[in-house]
Amino acid sequence: MSDEKGFWLYDLRVETVLDGREPVCRHVEGESFRVEGENLVFAKGQRVSMYALSAILPLLPAKQRMTDARDWMSTDAEVACPDPHCGGRFRIHRESKRWFSHAETTGLPEARGTPYWKQEGST
């Protein structure tokens, strides 16, 4: 990896939290999904409202990247359900970091390699 051009991204876990608040939408405390690279990974039976997901999605790529410790993206971790009457929140946890090769992730024809998801041993 030292000579190869690439970047690190955090894997994320996005968890539903209520902390005693009453949800209006279907939010079940503790349900979660993972973000691994560009993929949203749901365990069997786990669900997230598409309206709530629309509030979370724009923040996930920024949350995956390393940021200064004083940047709000590093310190703030909860996103509210977009329904103003709903008590649902989504806590974004940064977990382990994953290395991505630029050649495996770019669409630029002159820089392409084998896509990371076609690499041997990938899931």
Protein backbone atom coordinates (compact mmCIF):
# COMPACT_ATOMS: atom_id res chain seq x y z
CA MET A 1 0.00 0.00 0.00
CA SER A 2 2.90 2.40 0.56
CA ASP A 3 3.58 2.93 -3.18
CA GLU A 4 0.00 2.57 -4.32
CA LYS A 5 -2.24 5.61 -4.51
CA GLY A 6 -5.34 5.22 -2.46
CA PHE A 7 -7.25 6.36 0.57
CA TRP A 8 -8.73 5.22 3.86
CA LEU A 9 -12.44 5.27 4.68
CA TYR A 10 -14.12 4.44 7.94
CA ASP A 11 -16.65 1.66 8.00
CA LEU A 12 -19.75 3.04 9.69
CA ARG A 13 -22.59 1.63 11.73
CA VAL A 14 -25.81 3.66 11.71
CA GLU A 15 -28.03 2.80 14.65
CA THR A 16 -31.58 3.86 15.48
CA VAL A 17 -31.80 5.57 18.88
CA LEU A 18 -34.88 6.89 20.64
CA ASP A 19 -33.53 7.72 24.13
CA GLY A 20 -37.09 7.82 25.49
CA ARG A 21 -38.46 9.94 22.63
CA GLU A 22 -41.60 8.77 20.89
CA PRO A 23 -41.26 7.93 17.18
CA VAL A 24 -43.97 8.71 14.66
CA CYS A 25 -42.28 6.77 11.86
CA ARG A 26 -41.23 3.12 12.06
CA HIS A 27 -38.06 3.45 14.10
CA VAL A 28 -37.03 0.52 16.29
CA GLU A 29 -34.39 1.25 18.90
CA GLY A 30 -31.18 -0.64 18.13
CA GLU A 31 -31.89 -1.48 14.50
CA SER A 32 -28.86 -0.65 12.39
CA PHE A 33 -27.06 -0.97 9.11
CA ARG A 34 -23.42 -0.75 8.11
CA VAL A 35 -21.63 1.32 5.51
CA GLU A 36 -18.66 -0.46 3.95
CA GLY A 37 -17.11 1.59 1.18
CA GLU A 38 -19.99 2.52 -1.11
CA ASN A 39 -22.28 -0.23 0.18
CA LEU A 40 -25.14 -0.12 2.65
CA VAL A 41 -25.26 -3.50 4.41
CA PHE A 42 -28.41 -4.55 6.24
CA ALA A 43 -28.63 -7.58 8.51
CA LYS A 44 -31.59 -9.85 7.89
CA GLY A 45 -34.79 -8.21 9.11
CA GLN A 46 -33.28 -4.77 9.70
CA ARG A 47 -35.18 -1.87 8.12
CA VAL A 48 -34.85 1.87 7.75
CA SER A 49 -37.47 4.29 6.52
CA MET A 50 -36.59 5.67 3.07
CA TYR A 51 -37.52 9.15 4.32
CA ALA A 52 -35.12 8.86 7.25
CA LEU A 53 -32.49 7.39 4.92
CA SER A 54 -32.82 10.47 2.72
CA ALA A 55 -31.72 12.61 5.69
CA ILE A 56 -28.77 10.34 6.52
CA LEU A 57 -27.34 9.54 3.07
CA PRO A 58 -25.74 12.93 2.26
CA LEU A 59 -23.70 12.81 5.48
CA LEU A 60 -22.30 9.28 5.15
CA PRO A 61 -19.49 9.94 2.62
CA ALA A 62 -18.21 12.83 4.74
CA LYS A 63 -18.46 10.78 7.92
CA GLN A 64 -16.39 8.03 6.27
CA ARG A 65 -13.44 10.36 5.74
CA MET A 66 -10.85 11.39 8.29
CA THR A 67 -11.54 14.86 9.63
CA ASP A 68 -9.92 17.14 12.17
CA ALA A 69 -10.83 16.26 15.76
CA ARG A 70 -12.52 19.69 16.14
CA ASP A 71 -14.53 19.42 12.91
CA TRP A 72 -18.27 19.02 13.59
CA MET A 73 -18.21 15.94 11.36
CA SER A 74 -15.89 14.33 13.95
CA THR A 75 -17.84 15.41 17.03
CA ASP A 76 -21.51 15.28 16.01
CA ALA A 77 -22.95 11.82 15.47
CA GLU A 78 -26.77 12.03 15.51
CA VAL A 79 -29.14 12.79 12.66
CA ALA A 80 -32.83 13.45 13.28
CA CYS A 81 -35.65 11.87 11.37
CA PRO A 82 -36.85 14.47 8.86
CA ASP A 83 -40.41 14.33 10.28
CA PRO A 84 -40.44 17.25 12.76
CA HIS A 85 -42.91 15.39 15.01
CA CYS A 86 -40.87 12.20 15.20
CA GLY A 87 -38.44 11.42 18.01
CA GLY A 88 -36.31 9.03 15.96
CA ARG A 89 -32.58 9.68 15.71
CA PHE A 90 -29.78 7.89 13.93
CA ARG A 91 -26.37 7.64 15.59
CA ILE A 92 -23.44 7.21 13.21
CA HIS A 93 -20.53 5.26 14.68
CA ARG A 94 -17.12 5.30 13.01
CA GLU A 95 -15.61 1.85 13.21
CA SER A 96 -12.55 0.30 11.58
CA LYS A 97 -10.79 1.91 8.62
CA ARG A 98 -10.61 0.26 5.21
CA TRP A 99 -8.00 0.92 2.47
CA PHE A 100 -9.21 1.61 -1.08
CA SER A 101 -6.93 1.69 -4.08
CA HIS A 102 -7.64 4.59 -6.42
CA ALA A 103 -7.27 2.28 -9.43
CA GLU A 104 -9.92 -0.09 -8.03
CA THR A 105 -12.48 2.64 -7.38
CA THR A 106 -12.15 5.23 -10.16
CA GLY A 107 -14.22 5.51 -13.29
CA LEU A 108 -11.45 7.34 -15.13
CA PRO A 109 -10.48 5.02 -18.03
CA GLU A 110 -6.76 5.86 -17.91
CA ALA A 111 -6.54 5.08 -14.19
CA ARG A 112 -8.74 1.98 -13.93
CA GLY A 113 -7.77 -1.33 -12.45
CA THR A 114 -9.91 -4.31 -11.50
CA PRO A 115 -12.85 -3.00 -9.44
CA TYR A 116 -12.45 -3.65 -5.71
CA TRP A 117 -15.68 -5.68 -5.62
CA LYS A 118 -14.28 -8.07 -8.25
CA GLN A 119 -11.03 -8.67 -6.36
CA GLU A 120 -10.39 -12.19 -5.15
CA GLY A 121 -11.72 -12.71 -1.65
CA SER A 122 -14.03 -9.70 -1.68
CA THR A 123 -17.63 -10.04 -0.55
